[in-house]
Amino acid sequence: MPEVLYLSHWDAAMPVVVPNSVVKLLTNYQILAIRFLYNCLQKGYRGAILNEETEMNPCIQVSAFLNALNSSISIEAPAIVLCTAHTFGIWHYYLSNYAGNRVTVLSEHNCEQILQSKSLEIILSTVDNLKWLKGAELDFFTVIIDDLDVVINKKFVKQIKGQYHIGITTRNFLKDPGQKLFRNMLLWANPGCVGKLEEFCE
C-alpha cells in the first residue's frame, strides 16, 4: 500500500498530505507537479503555471493538490475550477473522486447561492456558464483555469480573483512562441513576477 504523500514536513502541527488512496494513482511526474504547486504556495507566490501535455493528466494533479489543502478550502473561501465544455466531464470525475471536498456545478439555479458566498467547497464551471455570475467580482481561496492561454485576455479572468492562482496550458512555447501571451499568463499567476514586455522579451 503506497504511503501518504507529505507536502509539508511530516511532523508539522497540521501536516499537509495527499492520502494514500490518491497517491497510489499518481506517477512520479504528477507527484513532482503537486509538490511544485505546494512549494510555490509556501514560498508566498500568488500562483503557478502547469505547462504539460494532455496525457499527463493535470486534472488528477490539481485534485490531489486540493485534497491536501482541504482544510484551507471552505464555504467562506471556496476553490473554483474553470474549463471548457470539452474537458468538463473529465474535471468533474477527478474532482468528485479525488479532491476530498464536495463539488458544485455552477448553473443558473445556484448562481445566487454562490453570489451570496453560500456555495460548497469546490465550484466547477465551464467558461460559458460564468455568465450566471453576472460579472460579479468574487474572491476565492484558489482559482484554477484550464487552457489559460486560450482565455487569458477574457474579461472574466480579471474579475475572478483568488489567494492562489493555477493556470494550465498544453501550449509548447518553444515550438509555438508568444512572448506577450506567456508574460500575461505569468502576471496572472503571480502579479509583478516579470517586468515590462520589452524587458521580458530580451
Protein backbone atom coordinates (compact mmCIF):
# COMPACT_ATOMS: atom_id res chain seq x y z
CA MET A 1 0.00 0.00 0.00
CA PRO A 2 1.53 3.37 -1.01
CA GLU A 3 2.16 5.74 1.86
CA VAL A 4 0.62 9.18 2.08
CA LEU A 5 2.44 11.97 0.28
CA TYR A 6 3.66 14.62 2.71
CA LEU A 7 3.81 18.07 1.12
CA SER A 8 4.65 19.77 4.41
CA HIS A 9 7.14 18.37 6.92
CA TRP A 10 5.80 15.12 8.35
CA ASP A 11 5.82 16.42 11.94
CA ALA A 12 4.18 19.78 11.20
CA ALA A 13 1.43 20.82 13.61
CA MET A 14 -1.08 20.33 10.77
CA PRO A 15 0.62 18.14 8.16
CA VAL A 16 -0.39 18.75 4.55
CA VAL A 17 -0.77 15.34 2.95
CA VAL A 18 -2.22 13.62 -0.08
CA PRO A 19 -3.96 10.43 1.16
CA ASN A 20 -2.72 7.05 0.01
CA SER A 21 -5.99 6.38 -1.83
CA VAL A 22 -4.93 9.12 -4.25
CA VAL A 23 -1.16 8.60 -4.09
CA LYS A 24 -1.47 5.08 -5.49
CA LEU A 25 -2.87 6.55 -8.72
CA LEU A 26 -0.08 9.09 -9.23
CA THR A 27 3.01 8.82 -11.39
CA ASN A 28 6.34 10.34 -10.38
CA TYR A 29 5.94 13.36 -12.66
CA GLN A 30 2.45 14.01 -11.28
CA ILE A 31 3.87 13.95 -7.74
CA LEU A 32 6.54 16.44 -8.82
CA ALA A 33 3.84 18.74 -10.21
CA ILE A 34 1.83 18.57 -6.97
CA ARG A 35 4.95 19.37 -4.94
CA PHE A 36 5.65 22.27 -7.31
CA LEU A 37 2.18 23.74 -6.71
CA TYR A 38 2.55 23.41 -2.94
CA ASN A 39 6.10 24.80 -2.85
CA CYS A 40 5.02 27.87 -4.82
CA LEU A 41 2.21 28.42 -2.32
CA GLN A 42 4.55 28.00 0.65
CA LYS A 43 7.07 30.45 -0.82
CA GLY A 44 4.39 33.11 -0.96
CA TYR A 45 3.86 33.09 -4.71
CA ARG A 46 0.39 34.12 -5.81
CA GLY A 47 0.15 31.24 -8.25
CA ALA A 48 1.79 28.87 -10.69
CA ILE A 49 1.52 27.61 -14.26
CA LEU A 50 1.37 23.93 -15.21
CA ASN A 51 2.63 23.63 -18.79
CA GLU A 52 2.03 19.99 -19.66
CA GLU A 53 0.94 17.56 -22.34
CA THR A 54 -2.72 16.49 -22.10
CA GLU A 55 -1.84 12.86 -21.36
CA MET A 56 -0.03 13.98 -18.20
CA ASN A 57 -3.49 14.43 -16.64
CA PRO A 58 -3.35 17.79 -14.85
CA CYS A 59 -6.88 17.10 -13.56
CA ILE A 60 -5.70 14.47 -11.08
CA GLN A 61 -2.72 16.64 -10.12
CA VAL A 62 -4.96 19.59 -9.22
CA SER A 63 -7.48 17.31 -7.50
CA ALA A 64 -4.74 15.79 -5.32
CA PHE A 65 -3.41 19.27 -4.51
CA LEU A 66 -6.89 20.44 -3.45
CA ASN A 67 -7.31 17.28 -1.38
CA ALA A 68 -4.12 18.03 0.54
CA LEU A 69 -5.32 21.59 1.18
CA ASN A 70 -8.91 20.77 2.06
CA SER A 71 -8.51 22.39 5.48
CA SER A 72 -7.94 25.71 3.66
CA ILE A 73 -10.94 25.32 1.36
CA SER A 74 -14.25 26.27 2.94
CA ILE A 75 -17.66 27.76 2.31
CA GLU A 76 -16.12 31.17 3.04
CA ALA A 77 -13.15 30.61 0.71
CA PRO A 78 -14.02 28.01 -1.93
CA ALA A 79 -11.99 26.84 -4.89
CA ILE A 80 -13.25 27.39 -8.43
CA VAL A 81 -12.19 25.41 -11.49
CA LEU A 82 -12.91 26.87 -14.93
CA CYS A 83 -12.67 24.68 -18.00
CA THR A 84 -14.07 24.18 -21.48
CA ALA A 85 -17.16 22.12 -22.24
CA HIS A 86 -14.82 19.61 -23.88
CA THR A 87 -12.95 18.85 -20.65
CA PHE A 88 -15.83 19.41 -18.20
CA GLY A 89 -16.64 15.72 -17.75
CA ILE A 90 -13.02 14.83 -17.05
CA TRP A 91 -12.68 17.59 -14.48
CA HIS A 92 -15.94 16.60 -12.80
CA TYR A 93 -14.82 12.98 -12.50
CA TYR A 94 -11.43 13.71 -10.94
CA LEU A 95 -12.60 16.49 -8.63
CA SER A 96 -15.57 14.44 -7.41
CA ASN A 97 -13.47 11.35 -6.72
CA TYR A 98 -10.10 12.70 -5.60
CA ALA A 99 -10.31 16.31 -4.40
CA GLY A 100 -11.72 15.39 -0.99
CA ASN A 101 -14.46 18.03 -0.97
CA ARG A 102 -17.94 18.42 -2.37
CA VAL A 103 -18.17 19.71 -5.93
CA THR A 104 -20.85 22.16 -7.06
CA VAL A 105 -21.50 22.68 -10.75
CA LEU A 106 -22.31 26.33 -11.46
CA SER A 107 -25.70 26.80 -13.12
CA GLU A 108 -28.46 29.36 -13.35
CA HIS A 109 -30.19 27.57 -10.46
CA ASN A 110 -27.43 28.01 -7.86
CA CYS A 111 -25.71 31.20 -9.02
CA GLU A 112 -27.45 33.31 -6.37
CA GLN A 113 -26.24 30.94 -3.66
CA ILE A 114 -22.69 31.33 -4.95
CA LEU A 115 -23.02 35.11 -5.19
CA GLN A 116 -24.10 35.19 -1.54
CA SER A 117 -20.98 33.22 -0.53
CA LYS A 118 -23.04 30.19 0.49
CA SER A 119 -21.54 27.87 -2.06
CA LEU A 120 -19.99 24.49 -1.46
CA GLU A 121 -16.25 23.98 -1.23
CA ILE A 122 -15.32 23.42 -4.88
CA ILE A 123 -17.14 25.11 -7.75
CA LEU A 124 -16.79 23.71 -11.26
CA SER A 125 -17.86 25.76 -14.25
CA THR A 126 -17.41 25.96 -17.96
CA VAL A 127 -16.27 29.31 -19.25
CA ASP A 128 -19.69 29.82 -20.88
CA ASN A 129 -21.60 29.26 -17.62
CA LEU A 130 -19.75 32.10 -15.90
CA LYS A 131 -22.43 34.36 -17.36
CA TRP A 132 -24.66 33.28 -14.46
CA LEU A 133 -22.36 35.11 -12.04
CA LYS A 134 -23.42 38.33 -13.81
CA GLY A 135 -19.96 39.88 -13.83
CA ALA A 136 -19.70 39.92 -10.02
CA GLU A 137 -16.18 40.25 -8.65
CA LEU A 138 -15.70 37.24 -6.41
CA ASP A 139 -12.81 36.14 -4.22
CA PHE A 140 -11.79 32.53 -3.82
CA PHE A 141 -9.12 30.59 -1.98
CA THR A 142 -7.85 29.32 -5.31
CA VAL A 143 -8.78 29.87 -8.94
CA ILE A 144 -7.84 27.16 -11.45
CA ILE A 145 -8.18 27.90 -15.17
CA ASP A 146 -7.70 25.20 -17.77
CA ASP A 147 -6.47 26.24 -21.24
CA LEU A 148 -5.31 29.53 -19.74
CA ASP A 149 -3.50 30.50 -22.94
CA VAL A 150 -6.84 30.49 -24.80
CA VAL A 151 -8.81 32.65 -22.33
CA ILE A 152 -6.15 34.85 -20.68
CA ASN A 153 -7.45 38.03 -22.33
CA LYS A 154 -11.11 37.39 -21.46
CA LYS A 155 -12.78 39.82 -19.06
CA PHE A 156 -13.70 37.14 -16.52
CA VAL A 157 -10.02 36.32 -15.90
CA LYS A 158 -9.61 39.72 -14.22
CA GLN A 159 -12.94 39.53 -12.38
CA ILE A 160 -12.41 36.22 -10.59
CA LYS A 161 -9.66 36.55 -8.01
CA GLY A 162 -8.11 34.03 -5.66
CA GLN A 163 -5.45 33.92 -2.99
CA TYR A 164 -3.67 31.40 -5.22
CA HIS A 165 -3.99 31.02 -8.99
CA ILE A 166 -3.25 27.91 -11.04
CA GLY A 167 -3.13 28.17 -14.80
CA ILE A 168 -2.97 25.10 -17.02
CA THR A 169 -1.80 25.09 -20.63
CA THR A 170 -0.71 22.47 -23.14
CA ARG A 171 0.84 25.04 -25.46
CA ASN A 172 4.52 24.43 -26.19
CA PHE A 173 6.03 27.92 -26.11
CA LEU A 174 9.28 26.65 -27.62
CA LYS A 175 7.53 25.34 -30.72
CA ASP A 176 4.76 27.96 -30.73
CA PRO A 177 6.26 31.09 -29.15
CA GLY A 178 4.21 34.02 -27.96
CA GLN A 179 6.12 36.27 -25.56
CA LYS A 180 3.26 38.66 -24.84
CA LEU A 181 0.84 35.81 -24.18
CA PHE A 182 3.35 33.98 -21.97
CA ARG A 183 4.05 37.17 -19.99
CA ASN A 184 0.33 37.80 -19.46
CA MET A 185 -0.11 34.27 -18.15
CA LEU A 186 2.79 34.66 -15.72
CA LEU A 187 1.45 38.00 -14.48
CA TRP A 188 -1.99 36.49 -13.90
CA ALA A 189 -0.49 33.64 -11.92
CA ASN A 190 1.97 35.73 -9.95
CA PRO A 191 1.46 39.51 -10.32
CA GLY A 192 4.68 41.51 -10.55
CA CYS A 193 6.88 38.49 -11.27
CA VAL A 194 8.11 39.89 -14.60
CA GLY A 195 8.87 43.37 -15.88
CA LYS A 196 7.74 45.28 -18.95
CA LEU A 197 7.15 43.40 -22.18
CA GLU A 198 10.32 44.74 -23.81
CA GLU A 199 12.44 43.62 -20.86
CA PHE A 200 10.71 40.25 -20.73
CA CYS A 201 11.32 39.58 -24.44
CA GLU A 202 15.02 40.33 -24.01
